[in-house]
Protein backbone atom coordinates (compact mmCIF):
# COMPACT_ATOMS: atom_id res chain seq x y z
CA MET A 1 3.49 -0.24 5.44
CA ARG A 2 0.38 1.91 5.88
CA VAL A 3 -2.47 1.64 3.36
CA ALA A 4 -5.28 4.23 3.30
CA ILE A 5 -8.69 2.84 2.29
CA ILE A 6 -10.86 5.38 0.47
CA GLY A 7 -14.05 5.29 -1.59
CA LEU A 8 -17.51 6.71 -2.04
CA PRO A 9 -20.17 6.13 0.64
CA ARG A 10 -21.72 2.62 0.57
CA SER A 11 -18.89 1.24 -1.55
CA GLY A 12 -18.01 -1.33 1.09
CA LYS A 13 -14.78 0.21 2.43
CA THR A 14 -15.26 -1.22 5.91
CA THR A 15 -16.27 -4.60 4.48
CA ILE A 16 -13.00 -4.74 2.54
CA PHE A 17 -11.16 -3.52 5.65
CA ASN A 18 -12.65 -6.43 7.63
CA ALA A 19 -11.79 -8.88 4.87
CA ALA A 20 -8.17 -7.70 4.77
CA THR A 21 -7.61 -7.55 8.54
CA ARG A 22 -10.07 -10.28 9.61
CA GLY A 23 -11.74 -7.53 11.60
CA ARG A 24 -15.27 -7.38 12.97
CA ILE A 25 -16.05 -3.67 12.64
CA ALA A 26 -19.76 -3.03 12.18
CA VAL A 27 -20.66 -2.13 8.60
CA GLY A 28 -23.52 -0.03 7.30
CA ASP A 29 -23.31 2.88 9.74
CA PHE A 30 -19.69 3.93 9.36
CA SER A 31 -20.59 7.11 7.49
CA ALA A 32 -21.90 8.48 10.78
CA ARG A 33 -18.51 8.04 12.49
CA SER A 34 -15.82 10.70 12.67
CA SER A 35 -12.71 8.58 13.23
CA ALA A 36 -10.90 6.04 11.09
CA ASN A 37 -10.73 2.30 11.69
CA VAL A 38 -7.17 1.02 11.98
CA GLY A 39 -6.24 -2.65 11.66
CA VAL A 40 -3.13 -4.74 11.07
CA ALA A 41 -2.84 -7.64 8.65
CA LYS A 42 -0.15 -10.28 8.90
CA VAL A 43 1.46 -10.87 5.52
CA PRO A 44 1.01 -14.56 4.62
CA ASP A 45 4.38 -16.03 3.68
CA PRO A 46 4.68 -19.82 3.29
CA ARG A 47 8.46 -19.51 3.60
CA LEU A 48 8.07 -18.73 7.29
CA ALA A 49 6.41 -22.09 8.00
CA ARG A 50 9.27 -23.96 6.33
CA LEU A 51 11.89 -21.94 8.20
CA THR A 52 10.03 -22.45 11.47
CA ALA A 53 10.24 -26.21 10.98
CA MET A 54 13.98 -25.89 10.36
CA PHE A 55 14.92 -23.58 13.24
CA ASN A 56 12.16 -24.20 15.83
CA PRO A 57 12.26 -20.55 16.99
CA GLU A 58 10.64 -19.14 20.12
CA LYS A 59 8.53 -16.84 17.97
CA VAL A 60 7.61 -16.21 14.34
CA VAL A 61 7.01 -12.65 13.14
CA PRO A 62 5.50 -12.12 9.68
CA ALA A 63 5.62 -8.77 7.93
CA GLU A 64 2.63 -6.52 8.59
CA ILE A 65 0.46 -4.04 6.72
CA THR A 66 -1.58 -1.43 8.56
CA TYR A 67 -4.91 -0.58 6.94
CA VAL A 68 -6.69 2.70 7.72
CA ASP A 69 -10.39 2.82 6.81
CA PHE A 70 -11.39 6.46 6.51
CA PRO A 71 -14.97 7.47 7.40
CA GLY A 72 -17.27 8.81 4.74
CA PRO A 73 -19.16 12.12 4.92
CA PRO A 74 -21.97 12.46 7.49
CA PRO A 75 -25.49 11.30 6.52
CA GLY A 76 -27.13 13.77 4.18
CA GLN A 77 -23.77 15.02 2.90
CA GLU A 78 -22.88 12.07 0.66
CA ASN A 79 -22.20 14.38 -2.28
CA ALA A 80 -19.75 16.54 -0.33
CA PRO A 81 -16.11 16.64 -1.55
CA THR A 82 -14.49 13.24 -1.12
CA PHE A 83 -11.38 14.56 0.62
CA SER A 84 -11.44 17.14 3.39
CA GLY A 85 -8.25 18.91 4.40
CA GLU A 86 -7.97 16.58 7.37
CA THR A 87 -8.29 13.52 5.14
CA VAL A 88 -5.66 14.81 2.72
CA THR A 89 -3.27 15.31 5.64
CA ALA A 90 -3.91 11.72 6.71
CA LEU A 91 -3.37 10.43 3.15
CA GLN A 92 0.02 12.15 3.08
CA LYS A 93 1.08 9.81 5.91
CA ALA A 94 0.14 6.67 3.95
CA ASP A 95 2.41 4.49 1.82
CA ALA A 96 -0.35 3.56 -0.64
CA ILE A 97 -4.00 4.32 -1.42
CA LEU A 98 -6.60 1.56 -1.78
CA HIS A 99 -9.72 2.79 -3.58
CA VAL A 100 -12.73 0.55 -2.93
CA VAL A 101 -15.20 0.81 -5.82
CA ARG A 102 -18.74 -0.50 -5.64
CA GLY A 103 -19.62 -3.15 -8.18
CA PHE A 104 -22.55 -4.84 -6.40
CA GLU A 105 -26.29 -4.17 -6.36
CA ASN A 106 -28.11 -3.75 -3.05
CA PRO A 107 -31.52 -2.01 -3.14
CA SER A 108 -31.49 -1.60 0.65
CA ALA A 109 -28.31 0.50 0.41
CA PRO A 110 -28.75 2.64 -2.72
CA HIS A 111 -25.68 4.11 -4.37
CA PRO A 112 -25.34 7.83 -3.48
CA LYS A 113 -25.06 8.68 -7.18
CA GLY A 114 -28.27 6.79 -8.03
CA SER A 115 -26.77 3.83 -9.91
CA VAL A 116 -23.92 1.35 -9.72
CA ASP A 117 -21.25 2.36 -12.24
CA PRO A 118 -17.72 1.45 -11.08
CA TRP A 119 -16.00 3.03 -14.07
CA ARG A 120 -17.70 6.36 -13.37
CA ASP A 121 -16.70 6.13 -9.70
CA ILE A 122 -13.07 5.31 -10.50
CA ASP A 123 -12.88 8.43 -12.66
CA ALA A 124 -14.69 10.59 -10.08
CA VAL A 125 -12.49 9.66 -7.11
CA GLY A 126 -9.38 9.77 -9.29
CA PHE A 127 -10.28 13.34 -10.22
CA ASP A 128 -10.83 14.21 -6.55
CA LEU A 129 -7.31 12.96 -5.75
CA LEU A 130 -5.89 15.17 -8.48
CA PHE A 131 -7.98 18.10 -7.27
CA ALA A 132 -6.57 17.63 -3.76
CA ASP A 133 -3.06 18.00 -5.22
CA ILE A 134 -4.10 21.03 -7.26
CA ALA A 135 -5.31 22.65 -4.04
CA LEU A 136 -2.04 21.78 -2.28
CA ILE A 137 -0.06 23.45 -5.06
CA ASP A 138 -2.35 26.50 -4.91
CA ARG A 139 -1.44 26.91 -1.25
CA ARG A 140 2.24 26.37 -2.02
CA ILE A 141 2.13 29.09 -4.72
CA GLN A 142 0.41 31.42 -2.27
CA ARG A 143 3.13 30.88 0.35
CA VAL A 144 5.93 31.43 -2.16
CA THR A 145 4.21 34.57 -3.49
CA GLU A 146 3.83 35.98 0.02
CA GLY A 147 7.52 35.34 0.61
CA LEU A 148 8.45 37.58 -2.33
CA ARG A 149 7.80 40.67 -0.24
CA GLY A 150 11.07 42.01 1.10
CA SER A 151 13.15 39.21 -0.40
CA ARG A 152 16.60 39.79 -1.92
CA ALA A 153 17.00 39.80 -5.71
CA SER A 154 18.56 36.30 -5.86
CA GLU A 155 15.86 34.88 -3.57
CA ARG A 156 13.18 36.60 -5.63
CA ASP A 157 14.50 35.05 -8.87
CA ASN A 158 14.46 31.56 -7.32
CA SER A 159 10.95 32.09 -5.96
CA LEU A 160 9.65 33.23 -9.35
CA LYS A 161 11.20 30.13 -10.95
CA ASP A 162 9.52 27.97 -8.29
CA ILE A 163 6.14 29.54 -9.05
CA GLU A 164 6.62 28.87 -12.76
CA VAL A 165 7.48 25.21 -12.08
CA LEU A 166 4.56 24.80 -9.68
CA LYS A 167 2.13 26.14 -12.27
CA SER A 168 3.56 23.69 -14.82
CA VAL A 169 3.05 20.74 -12.46
CA GLN A 170 -0.43 22.01 -11.66
CA ALA A 171 -1.25 22.13 -15.38
CA ASP A 172 -0.26 18.46 -15.69
CA LEU A 173 -2.56 17.56 -12.81
CA GLU A 174 -5.41 19.53 -14.38
CA ALA A 175 -4.80 17.52 -17.57
CA GLY A 176 -5.38 14.31 -15.58
CA LYS A 177 -1.73 13.31 -15.13
CA PRO A 178 -0.99 12.04 -11.59
CA MET A 179 2.49 12.36 -10.12
CA ARG A 180 3.02 8.66 -9.27
CA GLY A 181 6.00 7.18 -11.04
CA ARG A 182 7.17 10.56 -12.29
CA THR A 183 10.86 11.34 -11.86
CA LEU A 184 11.19 14.94 -10.74
CA ASN A 185 13.96 17.12 -12.12
CA ASP A 186 15.98 19.35 -9.79
CA SER A 187 13.79 22.41 -10.30
CA GLU A 188 10.63 20.40 -9.56
CA LYS A 189 12.19 18.91 -6.42
CA ARG A 190 13.09 22.39 -5.20
CA ALA A 191 9.66 23.85 -5.95
CA LEU A 192 7.83 20.95 -4.29
CA ARG A 193 10.22 20.49 -1.37
CA ASP A 194 7.62 21.44 1.25
CA THR A 195 4.63 19.81 -0.47
CA PHE A 196 3.78 16.10 -0.53
CA LEU A 197 1.33 15.37 -3.34
CA VAL A 198 -1.05 12.45 -2.71
CA SER A 199 -1.03 11.44 -6.38
CA THR A 200 2.60 10.36 -5.92
CA LEU A 201 1.37 7.42 -3.82
CA PRO A 202 0.81 3.95 -5.29
CA TYR A 203 -2.87 3.68 -6.28
CA LEU A 204 -4.80 0.42 -5.93
CA VAL A 205 -8.39 -0.33 -6.88
CA ALA A 206 -10.50 -3.06 -5.27
CA LEU A 207 -13.71 -3.63 -7.23
CA ASN A 208 -16.14 -4.82 -4.57
CA ILE A 209 -18.41 -7.31 -6.35
CA GLY A 210 -21.36 -9.43 -5.28
CA GLU A 211 -21.12 -13.19 -4.86
CA SER A 212 -23.06 -13.72 -8.08
CA ASP A 213 -20.29 -11.97 -10.03
CA ILE A 214 -17.48 -14.26 -8.85
CA PRO A 215 -17.65 -16.29 -12.12
CA ARG A 216 -17.01 -12.99 -13.98
CA SER A 217 -13.94 -12.08 -11.88
CA VAL A 218 -11.44 -12.73 -14.66
CA GLU A 219 -13.45 -10.64 -17.12
CA LEU A 220 -13.87 -7.80 -14.62
CA GLU A 221 -10.19 -7.80 -13.70
CA ALA A 222 -9.24 -7.61 -17.36
CA GLU A 223 -11.42 -4.52 -17.70
CA LEU A 224 -9.88 -3.06 -14.54
CA ALA A 225 -6.39 -3.62 -15.94
CA ARG A 226 -7.37 -1.68 -19.07
CA ARG A 227 -8.70 1.25 -17.06
CA VAL A 228 -6.30 1.40 -14.09
CA THR A 229 -2.97 1.88 -15.83
CA GLY A 230 0.40 3.45 -15.20
CA THR A 231 3.24 2.85 -12.80
CA LEU A 232 2.62 2.07 -9.12
CA THR A 233 -0.95 0.91 -9.75
CA GLY A 234 -2.85 -2.34 -9.32
CA SER A 235 -6.39 -3.68 -9.26
CA ALA A 236 -8.47 -6.72 -8.30
CA ALA A 237 -12.11 -7.78 -8.15
CA ILE A 238 -13.09 -9.01 -4.68
CA ALA A 239 -16.39 -10.27 -3.27
CA GLY A 240 -16.01 -8.21 -0.11
CA GLN A 241 -19.04 -9.46 1.83
CA LEU A 242 -18.18 -13.11 1.19
CA GLU A 243 -14.51 -12.58 2.00
CA MET A 244 -15.40 -10.81 5.25
CA GLU A 245 -17.66 -13.69 6.31
CA LEU A 246 -15.09 -16.32 5.37
CA GLY A 247 -12.34 -14.43 7.17
CA GLN A 248 -14.28 -14.60 10.43
CA MET A 249 -14.46 -18.40 10.37
CA ALA A 250 -11.99 -20.81 11.90
CA GLU A 251 -9.17 -21.61 9.48
CA ALA A 252 -10.26 -25.19 8.74
CA GLU A 253 -13.88 -24.18 8.28
CA GLU A 254 -12.86 -21.29 6.00
CA LYS A 255 -10.85 -23.60 3.75
CA GLU A 256 -13.78 -26.03 3.47
CA PHE A 257 -16.30 -23.32 2.60
CA ARG A 258 -13.88 -21.62 0.21
CA ALA A 259 -13.33 -24.88 -1.67
CA SER A 260 -17.06 -25.60 -1.88
CA LEU A 261 -17.79 -22.12 -3.23
CA GLY A 262 -14.84 -22.01 -5.60
CA ALA A 263 -13.84 -18.73 -3.96
CA GLY A 264 -10.12 -19.22 -4.51
CA GLU A 265 -7.43 -17.71 -2.31
CA PRO A 266 -8.41 -15.50 0.67
CA GLY A 267 -9.15 -11.86 -0.05
CA LEU A 268 -6.61 -10.97 2.64
CA GLU A 269 -3.80 -12.59 0.67
CA ARG A 270 -4.90 -10.99 -2.61
CA MET A 271 -5.03 -7.53 -1.04
CA ILE A 272 -1.59 -7.88 0.49
CA ARG A 273 0.00 -9.07 -2.73
CA LEU A 274 -1.69 -6.20 -4.56
CA CYS A 275 -0.33 -3.69 -2.03
CA TYR A 276 3.16 -5.18 -2.09
CA ARG A 277 3.36 -5.20 -5.88
CA ALA A 278 2.15 -1.63 -6.33
CA ALA A 279 4.34 -0.25 -3.53
CA GLY A 280 7.40 -2.10 -4.82
CA LEU A 281 7.99 -4.05 -1.60
CA ILE A 282 9.87 -7.29 -1.05
CA SER A 283 10.65 -9.29 2.10
CA PHE A 284 14.01 -10.45 3.38
CA LEU A 285 14.20 -12.99 6.20
CA THR A 286 16.14 -13.45 9.42
CA VAL A 287 16.37 -16.82 11.16
CA GLY A 288 17.57 -18.29 14.42
CA PRO A 289 16.46 -20.18 17.54
CA ASP A 290 15.00 -17.02 19.05
CA GLU A 291 13.05 -15.71 16.05
CA VAL A 292 12.15 -16.28 12.41
CA ARG A 293 11.00 -13.02 10.86
CA ALA A 294 10.08 -11.38 7.54
CA TRP A 295 11.12 -7.76 6.99
CA PRO A 296 9.49 -5.63 4.26
CA VAL A 297 11.78 -3.28 2.33
CA ALA A 298 11.57 -1.45 -0.96
CA GLU A 299 12.98 -3.13 -4.04
CA HIS A 300 16.60 -2.18 -4.80
CA THR A 301 17.36 -1.53 -1.11
CA PRO A 302 21.11 -1.85 -0.32
CA ALA A 303 22.16 -4.20 2.47
CA GLN A 304 23.24 -1.49 4.89
CA LYS A 305 19.91 0.31 4.65
CA ALA A 306 18.04 -2.99 5.00
CA ALA A 307 20.02 -3.58 8.19
CA GLY A 308 18.41 -0.43 9.58
CA ARG A 309 15.01 -2.14 9.38
CA VAL A 310 16.27 -4.55 12.03
CA HIS A 311 17.94 -1.90 14.19
CA SER A 312 19.53 1.50 13.62
CA ASP A 313 22.71 0.38 15.43
CA ILE A 314 23.15 -2.46 12.91
CA GLU A 315 22.95 -0.01 10.03
CA ARG A 316 25.35 2.41 11.74
CA GLY A 317 27.92 -0.26 12.57
CA PHE A 318 27.41 -2.40 9.47
CA ILE A 319 30.38 -4.64 8.61
CA ARG A 320 28.94 -7.14 6.16
CA ALA A 321 25.90 -9.30 5.48
CA GLU A 322 25.90 -13.09 5.33
CA VAL A 323 23.33 -13.91 2.66
CA VAL A 324 21.77 -17.10 1.30
CA ALA A 325 18.74 -17.38 -0.97
CA TYR A 326 15.73 -19.03 0.68
CA ASN A 327 15.60 -21.86 -1.89
CA ASP A 328 19.30 -22.60 -1.39
CA LEU A 329 18.85 -22.74 2.39
CA VAL A 330 15.91 -25.12 2.12
CA SER A 331 17.75 -27.33 -0.38
CA ALA A 332 20.83 -27.50 1.85
CA GLY A 333 18.83 -28.18 5.01
CA GLY A 334 20.53 -25.66 7.30
CA LEU A 335 22.93 -22.74 7.55
CA ALA A 336 25.96 -24.93 8.27
CA GLU A 337 25.20 -26.92 5.14
CA THR A 338 24.99 -23.76 3.01
CA ARG A 339 28.51 -22.87 4.09
CA LYS A 340 29.74 -26.26 2.92
CA ALA A 341 27.82 -25.90 -0.35
CA GLY A 342 29.19 -22.41 -0.92
CA THR A 343 25.73 -20.84 -1.24
CA LEU A 344 26.15 -18.70 1.90
CA ARG A 345 28.13 -15.66 0.86
CA ALA A 346 29.45 -12.42 2.34
CA GLU A 347 28.07 -9.20 0.86
CA GLY A 348 29.01 -5.58 1.41
CA LYS A 349 26.93 -2.52 2.22
CA ASP A 350 25.99 -1.86 -1.42
CA TYR A 351 24.61 -5.33 -2.11
CA VAL A 352 21.01 -5.04 -3.36
CA VAL A 353 18.72 -7.18 -1.21
CA LYS A 354 16.54 -9.69 -3.10
CA ASP A 355 13.12 -11.04 -2.15
CA GLY A 356 13.58 -14.16 -0.02
CA ASP A 357 17.18 -13.43 0.96
CA VAL A 358 17.96 -14.94 4.36
CA ILE A 359 20.39 -12.50 5.98
CA ASN A 360 22.59 -12.34 9.07
CA PHE A 361 24.03 -8.87 9.59
CA LEU A 362 27.46 -8.48 11.18
CA PHE A 363 28.09 -5.13 12.84
CA SER A 364 30.14 -3.28 15.45
CA VAL A 365 29.17 -0.19 17.45
C-alpha cells in the first residue's frame, strides 16, 4: 500500500512522516527540496508474535505501508497552487491520500496563510484536490474533442456522449462532490477510461496538534469526524512532534515515556489503522517453520485472487485453500489440532477472505 502525504507548507508533513516510519528526515527545510521522502512502515500486528511463538519460523514478515512525503513549494512561493502536474501524476500512483493539517502554534514557523485555522486548511486543500480533477477532465474533453475530426458517424456519436458525461462529472466536482466511493455507471466508466481522478482515492486527515492539546484530542477528533465525512475517509488528531521524538527512542524507553506522558498508543500504529480502515484493507496470514507473514488485501477479496498476493503461479494453479481463523488456531494450539477440532476447512476459489484468516494455498502448475 502506498500513501501520499500532502499538506500546506509548515503543516508538519515530514514530522508526521517521521512519526509513521520512525524516520529521521530533517524537518523545517523540506520546502526547499525538490524530491519526495519515501519510507516504509511495518504494520504492527500482535497476532504475528503469537504465531511466531507457535511455529518458531526462520523469519517474520509483517505487512508494510509505503509513505511518500511530497515536498512543498519553493521558499517565497508558499501560496502557489498546492498540486503541480507532476504532483498530480504522483498522486495517481498512490492508494490513499494523507492530508496533514496544522493545528499547532509556533511563532518561529508562521503559518503561510497568517493564522492557524485547520478547518480553513482542510477546505482549501480539499478544493485543490477537486480542482486537480477538474483540470484532468478538461484535458480529457480536449482530447476527445480533437478526436472528433475525421471520425466515423458512430464514433462521433460515442465521443459526443462521452463529452456530455465528462461535463456532468465535472459539474459534480465543481459542486464540491469528490469521486471517492461513487459507483460509476457504464457510460461514466467509458468516458473516464483513460483518466484516473485523484478524488477517487481514500482521503485521510491527520490534525497535527501541539503537546499541550493532547488532553483535547477526543474533542478535536469529534470535530474532525463531523467535518471529514463520506466513504473512504478517516481522521485523527496526532501530536506529530512528540510522536516523532518518541518513535526515535528505544522501544522500552518509548513505552516508559509514553506512559508517563499519557500519550497513548504510538502515532505509527494509529496512522496505519487509519490508512487500513479508509482503504478497506485486511490482513490474512501464512504460517510455517520457514516464515510467518501478514498479507494485506482488500476486503471482499476471493481466495484465488488473494493467492496471487503470495505468488502469481499460486493464483494461476489454484486448487483450494485450507483456512482456519486465527482465534481458532490459537485456541487449538496448532494446525494438526485444528484438523482434529474440525476448524480447519477447505475453501474454493470464490471464498471471501476474512481478516485474520490463516491460509495454506494448494495449487498445481
